[in-house]
N, C-alpha and C. Protein backbone atom coordinates (compact mmCIF):
# COMPACT_ATOMS: atom_id res chain seq x y z
N UNK A 1 -22.57 8.81 -32.22
CA UNK A 1 -21.60 7.98 -32.55
C UNK A 1 -20.32 8.85 -32.15
N UNK A 2 -19.96 10.00 -32.65
CA UNK A 2 -18.88 10.91 -32.59
C UNK A 2 -18.60 10.97 -30.81
N UNK A 3 -19.63 11.23 -30.16
CA UNK A 3 -19.54 11.52 -28.56
C UNK A 3 -19.00 10.21 -28.01
N UNK A 4 -19.26 9.19 -28.38
CA UNK A 4 -18.89 7.76 -27.71
C UNK A 4 -17.22 7.74 -28.38
N UNK A 5 -16.96 7.98 -29.49
CA UNK A 5 -15.53 8.16 -29.70
C UNK A 5 -14.91 8.88 -28.93
N UNK A 6 -15.18 10.26 -28.67
CA UNK A 6 -14.22 11.15 -27.84
C UNK A 6 -14.46 10.69 -26.58
N UNK A 7 -15.38 10.22 -25.88
CA UNK A 7 -15.19 9.47 -24.52
C UNK A 7 -14.29 8.55 -24.55
N UNK A 8 -14.12 7.65 -25.45
CA UNK A 8 -13.37 6.60 -25.47
C UNK A 8 -11.79 7.13 -25.73
N UNK A 9 -11.86 8.02 -26.32
CA UNK A 9 -10.39 8.63 -26.64
C UNK A 9 -9.95 9.34 -25.32
N UNK A 10 -10.77 9.89 -24.56
CA UNK A 10 -10.48 10.72 -23.27
C UNK A 10 -10.03 9.73 -22.30
N UNK A 11 -10.77 8.67 -22.27
CA UNK A 11 -10.62 7.38 -21.39
C UNK A 11 -9.17 6.71 -21.77
N UNK A 12 -8.85 6.74 -22.97
CA UNK A 12 -7.52 6.10 -23.34
C UNK A 12 -6.58 7.21 -23.15
N UNK A 13 -6.36 8.46 -23.06
CA UNK A 13 -5.82 9.15 -22.69
C UNK A 13 -5.24 9.12 -21.15
N UNK A 14 -6.48 9.10 -20.42
CA UNK A 14 -6.21 8.93 -18.99
C UNK A 14 -5.30 7.38 -18.64
N UNK A 15 -5.79 6.49 -19.23
CA UNK A 15 -5.27 5.28 -19.06
C UNK A 15 -3.74 5.40 -19.26
N UNK A 16 -3.34 6.18 -20.50
CA UNK A 16 -2.04 6.24 -20.94
C UNK A 16 -1.30 6.93 -20.10
N UNK A 17 -1.83 8.14 -19.60
CA UNK A 17 -1.16 8.96 -18.52
C UNK A 17 -0.89 8.25 -17.19
N UNK A 18 -1.98 7.47 -16.82
CA UNK A 18 -1.70 7.00 -15.41
C UNK A 18 -0.68 5.71 -15.71
N UNK A 19 -0.82 4.93 -16.73
CA UNK A 19 0.13 3.62 -17.01
C UNK A 19 1.65 4.23 -17.06
N UNK A 20 1.82 5.53 -17.59
CA UNK A 20 3.09 5.97 -17.76
C UNK A 20 3.66 6.52 -16.47
N UNK A 21 2.74 7.00 -15.56
CA UNK A 21 2.97 7.41 -14.13
C UNK A 21 3.49 6.24 -13.40
N UNK A 22 2.54 5.23 -13.58
CA UNK A 22 2.68 3.88 -12.77
C UNK A 22 4.13 3.23 -13.23
N UNK A 23 4.36 3.33 -14.41
CA UNK A 23 5.76 2.82 -15.11
C UNK A 23 6.79 3.60 -14.48
N UNK A 24 6.74 4.86 -14.32
CA UNK A 24 7.85 5.79 -13.72
C UNK A 24 8.05 5.40 -12.13
N UNK A 25 6.92 5.29 -11.63
CA UNK A 25 6.99 5.19 -10.21
C UNK A 25 7.59 3.60 -9.87
N UNK A 26 7.13 2.60 -10.69
CA UNK A 26 7.67 1.42 -10.79
C UNK A 26 9.11 1.13 -10.88
N UNK A 27 9.38 2.07 -11.93
CA UNK A 27 11.07 1.93 -12.17
C UNK A 27 11.81 2.61 -11.05
N UNK A 28 11.15 3.57 -10.50
CA UNK A 28 11.92 4.14 -9.18
C UNK A 28 11.67 3.07 -8.19
N UNK A 29 10.75 2.32 -7.87
CA UNK A 29 10.66 1.54 -6.78
C UNK A 29 11.73 0.31 -6.98
N UNK A 30 11.84 -0.01 -8.16
CA UNK A 30 12.80 -1.26 -8.41
C UNK A 30 14.34 -0.46 -8.32
N UNK A 31 14.57 0.45 -8.96
CA UNK A 31 15.83 1.11 -9.05
C UNK A 31 16.41 1.54 -7.64
N UNK A 32 15.57 1.94 -6.67
CA UNK A 32 16.10 2.69 -5.51
C UNK A 32 14.75 2.51 -4.37
N UNK A 33 14.72 1.28 -4.04
CA UNK A 33 13.76 0.97 -2.88
C UNK A 33 13.92 1.92 -1.61
N UNK A 34 15.36 2.09 -1.41
CA UNK A 34 15.55 2.59 -0.19
C UNK A 34 15.07 4.23 -0.26
N UNK A 35 15.27 4.75 -1.45
CA UNK A 35 14.75 6.21 -1.53
C UNK A 35 13.29 6.35 -1.32
N UNK A 36 12.44 5.19 -2.03
CA UNK A 36 11.05 5.23 -1.80
C UNK A 36 10.73 5.06 -0.39
N UNK A 37 11.62 4.12 0.46
CA UNK A 37 11.26 4.05 2.01
C UNK A 37 11.61 5.41 2.49
N UNK A 38 12.51 5.99 2.30
CA UNK A 38 12.93 7.54 2.89
C UNK A 38 11.64 8.55 2.56
N UNK A 39 11.20 8.38 1.39
CA UNK A 39 10.01 9.35 1.11
C UNK A 39 8.88 8.86 1.95
N UNK A 40 8.46 7.53 1.97
CA UNK A 40 7.31 7.39 2.73
C UNK A 40 7.45 7.35 4.03
N UNK A 41 8.82 7.23 4.55
CA UNK A 41 9.08 7.52 6.36
C UNK A 41 8.79 9.12 6.27
N UNK A 42 9.15 9.96 5.50
CA UNK A 42 9.05 11.41 5.71
C UNK A 42 7.72 11.75 5.52
N UNK A 43 6.94 11.21 4.44
CA UNK A 43 5.47 11.72 4.30
C UNK A 43 4.45 11.15 5.39
N UNK A 44 4.69 9.99 6.05
CA UNK A 44 4.03 9.65 7.27
C UNK A 44 4.37 10.71 8.37
N UNK A 45 5.80 10.91 8.58
CA UNK A 45 5.84 11.93 9.58
C UNK A 45 5.26 13.26 9.40
N UNK A 46 5.43 13.67 8.32
CA UNK A 46 4.77 14.76 7.86
C UNK A 46 3.10 14.88 8.15
N UNK A 47 2.40 13.88 7.69
CA UNK A 47 1.17 13.83 7.72
C UNK A 47 0.96 13.59 9.41
N UNK A 48 1.33 13.01 10.24
CA UNK A 48 1.40 13.10 11.56
C UNK A 48 1.35 14.40 12.11
N UNK A 49 2.59 15.06 11.82
CA UNK A 49 2.69 16.50 12.37
C UNK A 49 1.54 17.34 11.81
N UNK A 50 1.17 17.24 10.67
CA UNK A 50 0.15 18.25 10.12
C UNK A 50 -1.17 17.80 11.00
N UNK A 51 -1.54 16.58 11.14
CA UNK A 51 -2.67 16.34 11.90
C UNK A 51 -2.70 16.77 13.17
N UNK A 52 -1.43 16.91 13.81
CA UNK A 52 -1.27 17.29 15.04
C UNK A 52 -1.57 18.83 15.24
N UNK A 53 -0.83 19.48 14.37
CA UNK A 53 -1.23 20.90 14.12
C UNK A 53 -2.76 21.37 13.94
N UNK A 54 -3.46 20.41 13.11
CA UNK A 54 -4.74 20.64 12.86
C UNK A 54 -5.54 20.58 13.92
N UNK A 55 -5.28 19.50 14.74
CA UNK A 55 -6.07 19.29 16.04
C UNK A 55 -5.81 20.38 16.96
N UNK A 56 -4.53 21.06 17.05
CA UNK A 56 -4.37 22.13 17.87
C UNK A 56 -5.09 23.32 17.39
N UNK A 57 -4.93 23.76 16.27
CA UNK A 57 -5.82 24.90 15.64
C UNK A 57 -7.23 24.69 15.94
N UNK A 58 -7.77 23.23 15.66
CA UNK A 58 -9.35 23.18 15.99
C UNK A 58 -9.72 23.56 17.37
N UNK A 59 -8.64 23.10 18.19
CA UNK A 59 -8.97 23.45 19.80
C UNK A 59 -8.81 24.74 19.81
N UNK A 60 -7.82 25.54 19.30
CA UNK A 60 -7.89 27.05 19.63
C UNK A 60 -9.29 27.78 18.93
N UNK A 61 -9.58 27.31 17.92
CA UNK A 61 -10.66 27.73 17.10
C UNK A 61 -12.04 27.46 17.86
N UNK A 62 -12.11 26.28 18.66
CA UNK A 62 -13.21 25.95 19.43
C UNK A 62 -13.15 26.06 20.93
N UNK A 63 -12.25 26.59 21.49
CA UNK A 63 -11.98 26.57 22.80
C UNK A 63 -13.17 27.46 23.62
N UNK A 64 -13.83 28.25 23.01
CA UNK A 64 -14.66 29.27 23.81
C UNK A 64 -16.12 28.66 23.52
N UNK A 65 -16.37 27.61 22.75
CA UNK A 65 -17.64 27.15 22.60
C UNK A 65 -18.31 26.04 23.53
N UNK A 66 -17.37 25.76 24.45
CA UNK A 66 -18.03 24.82 25.59
C UNK A 66 -18.15 23.41 25.11
N UNK A 67 -17.15 23.29 23.92
CA UNK A 67 -17.31 21.87 23.61
C UNK A 67 -16.01 21.20 24.27
N UNK A 68 -16.58 20.07 24.92
CA UNK A 68 -15.32 19.14 25.53
C UNK A 68 -14.69 18.27 24.61
N UNK A 69 -13.56 18.58 23.97
CA UNK A 69 -12.80 17.76 23.06
C UNK A 69 -11.38 17.58 23.61
N UNK A 70 -11.09 16.46 22.98
CA UNK A 70 -9.65 16.17 23.26
C UNK A 70 -8.52 16.40 22.20
N UNK A 71 -8.92 17.71 21.44
CA UNK A 71 -8.29 18.06 20.35
C UNK A 71 -6.83 18.61 20.75
N UNK A 72 -6.69 19.40 21.92
CA UNK A 72 -5.51 19.90 22.19
C UNK A 72 -4.30 18.73 22.46
N UNK A 73 -4.94 17.81 23.32
CA UNK A 73 -4.40 16.57 23.79
C UNK A 73 -3.65 15.86 22.51
N UNK A 74 -4.76 15.35 21.54
CA UNK A 74 -4.49 14.74 20.48
C UNK A 74 -3.31 15.24 19.62
N UNK A 75 -3.57 16.66 19.35
CA UNK A 75 -2.94 17.60 18.70
C UNK A 75 -1.31 17.85 19.20
N UNK A 76 -1.24 17.65 20.45
CA UNK A 76 0.20 17.70 21.33
C UNK A 76 0.83 16.56 20.88
N UNK A 77 0.22 15.56 21.24
CA UNK A 77 0.70 13.94 20.92
C UNK A 77 1.10 13.81 19.64
N UNK A 78 0.24 14.10 18.72
CA UNK A 78 0.54 13.73 17.21
C UNK A 78 1.73 14.68 16.60
N UNK A 79 1.79 15.88 17.14
CA UNK A 79 2.91 16.86 16.82
C UNK A 79 4.10 16.20 17.32
N UNK A 80 4.22 15.75 18.53
CA UNK A 80 5.36 15.32 19.12
C UNK A 80 5.81 14.19 18.32
N UNK A 81 4.82 13.27 18.09
CA UNK A 81 4.96 11.87 17.08
C UNK A 81 5.46 12.29 15.77
N UNK A 82 4.85 13.34 15.14
CA UNK A 82 5.33 13.73 13.88
C UNK A 82 6.63 14.23 13.86
N UNK A 83 7.23 15.00 14.76
CA UNK A 83 8.64 15.56 14.88
C UNK A 83 9.46 14.35 15.11
N UNK A 84 9.01 13.37 16.11
CA UNK A 84 9.86 12.30 16.16
C UNK A 84 10.01 11.44 14.93
N UNK A 85 8.94 11.20 14.25
CA UNK A 85 9.18 10.28 12.98
C UNK A 85 10.02 11.02 12.15
N UNK A 86 9.86 12.36 11.94
CA UNK A 86 10.76 13.12 11.03
C UNK A 86 12.11 13.28 11.44
N UNK A 87 12.46 12.95 12.78
CA UNK A 87 13.98 13.04 12.91
C UNK A 87 14.67 11.53 13.18
N UNK A 88 13.72 10.61 13.47
CA UNK A 88 14.18 9.27 13.65
C UNK A 88 13.73 8.45 12.32
N UNK A 89 14.63 8.55 11.25
CA UNK A 89 14.68 8.01 10.02
C UNK A 89 14.46 6.48 10.05
N UNK A 90 13.51 5.89 9.51
CA UNK A 90 13.26 4.45 9.27
C UNK A 90 12.51 3.92 10.30
N UNK A 91 12.17 4.59 11.15
CA UNK A 91 11.29 4.23 12.35
C UNK A 91 9.84 3.85 12.09
N UNK A 92 9.10 4.53 11.22
CA UNK A 92 8.01 4.53 10.78
C UNK A 92 7.96 3.09 10.03
N UNK A 93 8.87 3.15 9.25
CA UNK A 93 8.74 1.67 8.09
C UNK A 93 9.15 0.57 9.09
N UNK A 94 9.87 0.54 10.13
CA UNK A 94 10.16 -0.46 10.96
C UNK A 94 8.91 -0.91 11.71
N UNK A 95 8.28 -0.02 12.38
CA UNK A 95 7.01 0.02 13.06
C UNK A 95 5.99 -0.90 12.25
N UNK A 96 5.73 -0.31 10.82
CA UNK A 96 4.62 -0.76 9.89
C UNK A 96 5.24 -2.04 9.79
N UNK A 97 6.49 -2.50 9.29
CA UNK A 97 6.81 -3.74 9.21
C UNK A 97 6.56 -4.79 10.18
N UNK A 98 7.04 -4.32 11.46
CA UNK A 98 6.82 -5.14 12.61
C UNK A 98 5.27 -5.43 12.92
N UNK A 99 4.57 -4.46 12.47
CA UNK A 99 2.82 -4.60 12.75
C UNK A 99 2.40 -5.85 11.77
N UNK A 100 2.98 -5.61 10.58
CA UNK A 100 2.58 -6.42 9.27
C UNK A 100 3.12 -7.68 9.62
N UNK A 101 4.35 -7.78 10.10
CA UNK A 101 5.00 -9.13 10.41
C UNK A 101 4.16 -9.88 11.44
N UNK A 102 3.90 -9.14 12.57
CA UNK A 102 3.18 -9.93 13.62
C UNK A 102 1.77 -10.21 13.34
N UNK A 103 1.11 -9.70 12.30
CA UNK A 103 -0.23 -10.14 12.06
C UNK A 103 -0.21 -11.22 10.80
N UNK A 104 0.94 -11.17 10.22
CA UNK A 104 1.28 -12.47 9.38
C UNK A 104 1.37 -13.67 10.17
N UNK A 105 2.30 -13.53 11.45
CA UNK A 105 2.70 -14.60 12.12
C UNK A 105 1.52 -15.10 12.78
N UNK A 106 0.63 -14.36 13.51
CA UNK A 106 -0.47 -14.58 14.38
C UNK A 106 -1.47 -15.37 13.33
N UNK A 107 -1.74 -14.82 11.90
CA UNK A 107 -2.55 -15.46 11.11
C UNK A 107 -2.03 -16.87 11.02
N UNK A 108 -0.74 -17.06 10.88
CA UNK A 108 -0.21 -18.38 10.54
C UNK A 108 -0.45 -19.15 11.73
N UNK A 109 -0.53 -18.80 12.87
CA UNK A 109 -0.68 -19.65 14.11
C UNK A 109 -2.26 -19.85 14.09
N UNK A 110 -3.11 -19.23 13.80
CA UNK A 110 -4.64 -19.39 13.76
C UNK A 110 -4.81 -20.47 12.56
N UNK A 111 -4.05 -20.10 11.49
CA UNK A 111 -4.22 -21.30 10.32
C UNK A 111 -3.49 -22.65 10.76
N UNK A 112 -2.73 -22.69 11.53
CA UNK A 112 -2.30 -24.05 11.96
C UNK A 112 -3.31 -24.69 13.03
N UNK A 113 -3.84 -23.96 13.75
CA UNK A 113 -4.85 -24.48 14.39
C UNK A 113 -5.80 -25.00 13.53
N UNK A 114 -6.34 -24.09 12.75
CA UNK A 114 -7.53 -24.40 11.99
C UNK A 114 -7.41 -25.67 11.22
N UNK A 115 -6.15 -25.88 10.59
CA UNK A 115 -5.66 -27.12 9.91
C UNK A 115 -5.82 -28.36 10.76
N UNK A 116 -5.51 -28.20 11.89
CA UNK A 116 -5.54 -29.33 12.70
C UNK A 116 -7.13 -29.51 13.07
N UNK A 117 -7.80 -28.63 13.21
CA UNK A 117 -9.24 -28.70 13.49
C UNK A 117 -9.95 -29.34 12.10
N UNK A 118 -9.48 -29.03 11.00
CA UNK A 118 -10.08 -29.44 9.85
C UNK A 118 -9.72 -30.85 9.62
N UNK A 119 -8.29 -31.30 10.04
CA UNK A 119 -7.96 -32.82 10.07
C UNK A 119 -8.98 -33.57 11.21
N UNK A 120 -9.09 -32.97 12.18
CA UNK A 120 -10.02 -33.81 12.99
C UNK A 120 -11.57 -33.78 12.56
N UNK A 121 -11.97 -33.02 11.69
CA UNK A 121 -13.38 -33.09 11.13
C UNK A 121 -13.37 -33.97 9.92
N UNK A 122 -12.14 -34.55 9.45
CA UNK A 122 -12.18 -35.23 8.30
C UNK A 122 -11.85 -34.60 7.05
N UNK A 123 -11.43 -33.37 7.08
CA UNK A 123 -11.18 -32.53 5.80
C UNK A 123 -9.90 -33.20 5.09
N UNK A 124 -9.89 -33.80 3.88
CA UNK A 124 -9.17 -34.59 3.23
C UNK A 124 -7.60 -33.71 3.02
N UNK A 125 -7.69 -32.44 2.79
CA UNK A 125 -6.70 -31.56 2.33
C UNK A 125 -6.27 -30.66 3.53
N UNK A 126 -6.55 -30.98 4.61
CA UNK A 126 -6.04 -30.54 5.72
C UNK A 126 -4.42 -30.23 5.69
N UNK A 127 -3.74 -31.20 5.09
CA UNK A 127 -2.14 -30.89 5.06
C UNK A 127 -1.51 -29.59 4.17
N UNK A 128 -2.61 -29.36 3.26
CA UNK A 128 -2.34 -27.97 2.44
C UNK A 128 -2.39 -26.97 3.39
N UNK A 129 -3.58 -26.94 3.93
CA UNK A 129 -3.67 -25.69 4.95
C UNK A 129 -2.49 -25.74 5.98
N UNK A 130 -2.23 -26.74 6.53
CA UNK A 130 -1.11 -26.75 7.46
C UNK A 130 0.33 -26.15 6.67
N UNK A 131 0.74 -26.67 5.51
CA UNK A 131 1.69 -26.22 4.86
C UNK A 131 1.61 -24.52 4.63
N UNK A 132 0.43 -24.23 4.17
CA UNK A 132 0.24 -22.81 3.74
C UNK A 132 0.28 -22.14 5.24
N UNK A 133 -0.13 -22.37 6.26
CA UNK A 133 -0.22 -21.75 7.38
C UNK A 133 1.25 -21.63 8.16
N UNK A 134 1.92 -22.73 7.97
CA UNK A 134 3.32 -22.76 8.37
C UNK A 134 4.12 -21.68 7.48
N UNK A 135 4.13 -21.80 6.54
CA UNK A 135 4.89 -20.84 5.53
C UNK A 135 4.36 -19.42 5.98
N UNK A 136 3.20 -19.24 6.48
CA UNK A 136 2.61 -17.97 6.73
C UNK A 136 3.29 -17.44 8.00
N UNK A 137 3.37 -18.44 8.92
CA UNK A 137 3.91 -18.09 10.27
C UNK A 137 5.66 -17.70 10.01
N UNK A 138 6.13 -18.53 9.41
CA UNK A 138 7.74 -18.32 9.05
C UNK A 138 7.97 -17.02 8.22
N UNK A 139 6.88 -16.82 7.27
CA UNK A 139 7.22 -15.41 6.60
C UNK A 139 6.95 -14.24 7.57
N UNK A 140 6.01 -14.41 8.64
CA UNK A 140 5.68 -13.55 9.64
C UNK A 140 7.02 -13.28 10.52
N UNK A 141 7.62 -14.34 11.03
CA UNK A 141 8.72 -14.14 11.80
C UNK A 141 9.78 -13.56 10.97
N UNK A 142 10.14 -13.87 9.58
CA UNK A 142 11.16 -13.40 8.93
C UNK A 142 10.94 -11.77 8.82
N UNK A 143 9.91 -11.53 8.60
CA UNK A 143 9.44 -9.83 8.64
C UNK A 143 9.86 -9.30 10.08
N UNK A 144 9.43 -9.92 11.19
CA UNK A 144 9.70 -9.49 12.38
C UNK A 144 11.20 -9.40 12.64
N UNK A 145 11.93 -10.36 12.10
CA UNK A 145 13.35 -10.26 12.48
C UNK A 145 14.40 -9.36 11.45
N UNK A 146 13.59 -9.06 10.29
CA UNK A 146 14.29 -8.34 9.32
C UNK A 146 13.38 -7.32 8.71
N UNK A 147 12.73 -6.45 9.49
CA UNK A 147 11.81 -5.51 9.02
C UNK A 147 12.13 -4.46 7.77
N UNK A 148 13.47 -4.09 8.10
CA UNK A 148 13.66 -3.19 6.68
C UNK A 148 13.97 -3.81 5.57
N UNK A 149 14.80 -5.07 5.52
CA UNK A 149 14.96 -5.78 4.25
C UNK A 149 13.43 -6.21 3.87
N UNK A 150 12.50 -6.50 4.61
CA UNK A 150 11.33 -6.85 4.30
C UNK A 150 10.41 -5.82 3.53
N UNK A 151 10.67 -4.56 4.18
CA UNK A 151 9.95 -3.17 3.63
C UNK A 151 10.70 -3.11 2.13
N UNK A 152 11.86 -3.23 2.02
CA UNK A 152 12.72 -3.24 0.72
C UNK A 152 12.34 -4.13 -0.13
N UNK A 153 11.80 -5.34 0.15
CA UNK A 153 11.59 -6.33 -0.85
C UNK A 153 10.23 -6.17 -1.40
N UNK A 154 9.30 -5.83 -0.54
CA UNK A 154 7.81 -5.36 -0.84
C UNK A 154 7.74 -4.18 -1.81
N UNK A 155 8.56 -3.08 -1.29
CA UNK A 155 8.68 -2.09 -2.34
C UNK A 155 9.06 -2.67 -3.57
N UNK A 156 10.11 -3.42 -3.84
CA UNK A 156 10.87 -3.89 -4.79
C UNK A 156 9.65 -4.56 -5.83
N UNK A 157 8.87 -5.35 -5.02
CA UNK A 157 7.94 -6.41 -5.79
C UNK A 157 6.66 -5.54 -6.18
N UNK A 158 6.44 -4.36 -5.44
CA UNK A 158 5.30 -3.51 -5.80
C UNK A 158 5.72 -2.82 -6.93
N UNK A 159 7.08 -2.25 -7.07
CA UNK A 159 7.55 -1.72 -8.43
C UNK A 159 7.51 -2.63 -9.72
N UNK A 160 7.84 -3.60 -9.36
CA UNK A 160 7.80 -4.75 -10.49
C UNK A 160 6.15 -4.90 -11.02
N UNK A 161 5.22 -4.97 -10.07
CA UNK A 161 3.87 -5.19 -10.36
C UNK A 161 3.41 -3.80 -11.09
N UNK A 162 3.69 -2.86 -10.40
CA UNK A 162 3.43 -1.51 -11.32
C UNK A 162 3.91 -1.37 -12.80
N UNK A 163 5.24 -1.81 -12.96
CA UNK A 163 5.69 -1.77 -14.22
C UNK A 163 4.95 -2.94 -15.05
N UNK A 164 4.71 -4.14 -14.79
CA UNK A 164 3.93 -5.03 -15.44
C UNK A 164 2.51 -4.53 -15.71
N UNK A 165 1.90 -3.95 -14.75
CA UNK A 165 0.48 -3.30 -14.83
C UNK A 165 0.60 -2.24 -16.17
N UNK A 166 1.57 -1.52 -15.80
CA UNK A 166 1.57 -0.36 -16.91
C UNK A 166 1.75 -0.97 -18.32
N UNK A 167 2.51 -1.85 -18.33
CA UNK A 167 2.97 -2.39 -19.81
C UNK A 167 1.62 -3.16 -20.34
N UNK A 168 0.81 -4.05 -19.49
CA UNK A 168 -0.39 -4.49 -19.71
C UNK A 168 -1.23 -3.51 -20.29
N UNK A 169 -1.49 -2.40 -19.55
CA UNK A 169 -2.40 -1.17 -19.95
C UNK A 169 -2.28 -0.69 -21.17
N UNK A 170 -0.82 -0.65 -21.65
CA UNK A 170 -0.18 -0.08 -22.78
C UNK A 170 -0.61 -1.07 -23.97
N UNK A 171 -0.22 -2.55 -23.69
CA UNK A 171 -0.61 -3.50 -24.88
C UNK A 171 -2.17 -3.33 -25.23
N UNK A 172 -3.08 -3.03 -24.02
CA UNK A 172 -4.42 -3.15 -24.12
C UNK A 172 -4.75 -1.86 -24.91
N UNK A 173 -4.22 -0.73 -24.87
CA UNK A 173 -4.33 0.52 -25.48
C UNK A 173 -4.22 0.47 -26.96
N UNK A 174 -3.04 -0.35 -27.19
CA UNK A 174 -2.56 -0.61 -28.60
C UNK A 174 -3.80 -1.27 -29.35
N UNK A 175 -3.77 -2.40 -28.63
CA UNK A 175 -4.89 -3.50 -29.15
C UNK A 175 -6.20 -2.97 -29.51
N UNK A 176 -6.68 -2.06 -28.44
CA UNK A 176 -8.02 -1.57 -28.79
C UNK A 176 -7.86 -0.33 -29.82
N UNK A 177 -6.83 0.36 -29.82
CA UNK A 177 -6.79 1.35 -30.84
C UNK A 177 -6.79 0.77 -32.29
N UNK A 178 -6.08 -0.39 -32.67
CA UNK A 178 -6.29 -1.40 -33.83
C UNK A 178 -7.62 -1.66 -34.20
N UNK A 179 -8.43 -2.02 -32.94
CA UNK A 179 -9.71 -2.62 -33.12
C UNK A 179 -10.55 -1.37 -33.51
N UNK A 180 -10.52 -0.26 -32.92
CA UNK A 180 -11.49 0.88 -33.32
C UNK A 180 -11.14 1.49 -34.49
N UNK A 181 -9.72 1.26 -35.04
CA UNK A 181 -9.47 1.90 -36.60
C UNK A 181 -10.21 0.86 -37.46
N UNK A 182 -10.15 -0.48 -37.16
CA UNK A 182 -10.72 -1.37 -37.99
C UNK A 182 -12.36 -1.34 -38.12
N UNK A 183 -12.85 -0.74 -36.93
CA UNK A 183 -14.18 -0.59 -36.83
C UNK A 183 -14.62 0.51 -37.35
N UNK A 184 -13.91 1.75 -37.42
CA UNK A 184 -14.03 2.77 -38.27
C UNK A 184 -13.93 2.75 -39.49
N UNK A 185 -12.91 1.79 -40.10
CA UNK A 185 -12.97 1.52 -41.45
C UNK A 185 -13.97 0.99 -42.15
N UNK A 186 -14.44 -0.04 -41.39
CA UNK A 186 -15.72 -0.96 -41.74
C UNK A 186 -17.11 -0.22 -41.89
N UNK A 187 -17.12 0.84 -41.03
CA UNK A 187 -18.06 1.44 -41.09
C UNK A 187 -18.42 2.62 -42.28
């Protein structure tokens, strides 16, 4: 019984730590989404640059082993991209938002087609599919035309959900602590 209580207490410690971290990160995202975008931009550029360096080192390490790899080519390309991403601020986020917006827009187009096919097959709620698909399409277009503001909004909402999740976890911890106290008192 004592071992189980220790396990529960350790789990609760980790939940508390992760909830506090999530809460702080959520606050940062809500207070300064621009800062978060800059950090993401920098991290992606740095990761691409390091991946390029890794590929170049891999090539140099294995060049005498008769292995036919494209490590040097990939390395040089990734190194150049990483440097470009690090010097061209906002580019990575804009590209990610454009890809995301394009995907949502295309998904909306397929949804519109599917709603008309559903209508032709007698599906009674095809209009709901059509409305949802048109909204999806419009959202995709908005993201395509305003990628930076869309990314800021996404960061902001993510921050709000992280704060909410952290608060819910803390409430669950308090409720569980009370339940555990009641259980140990009654034993």
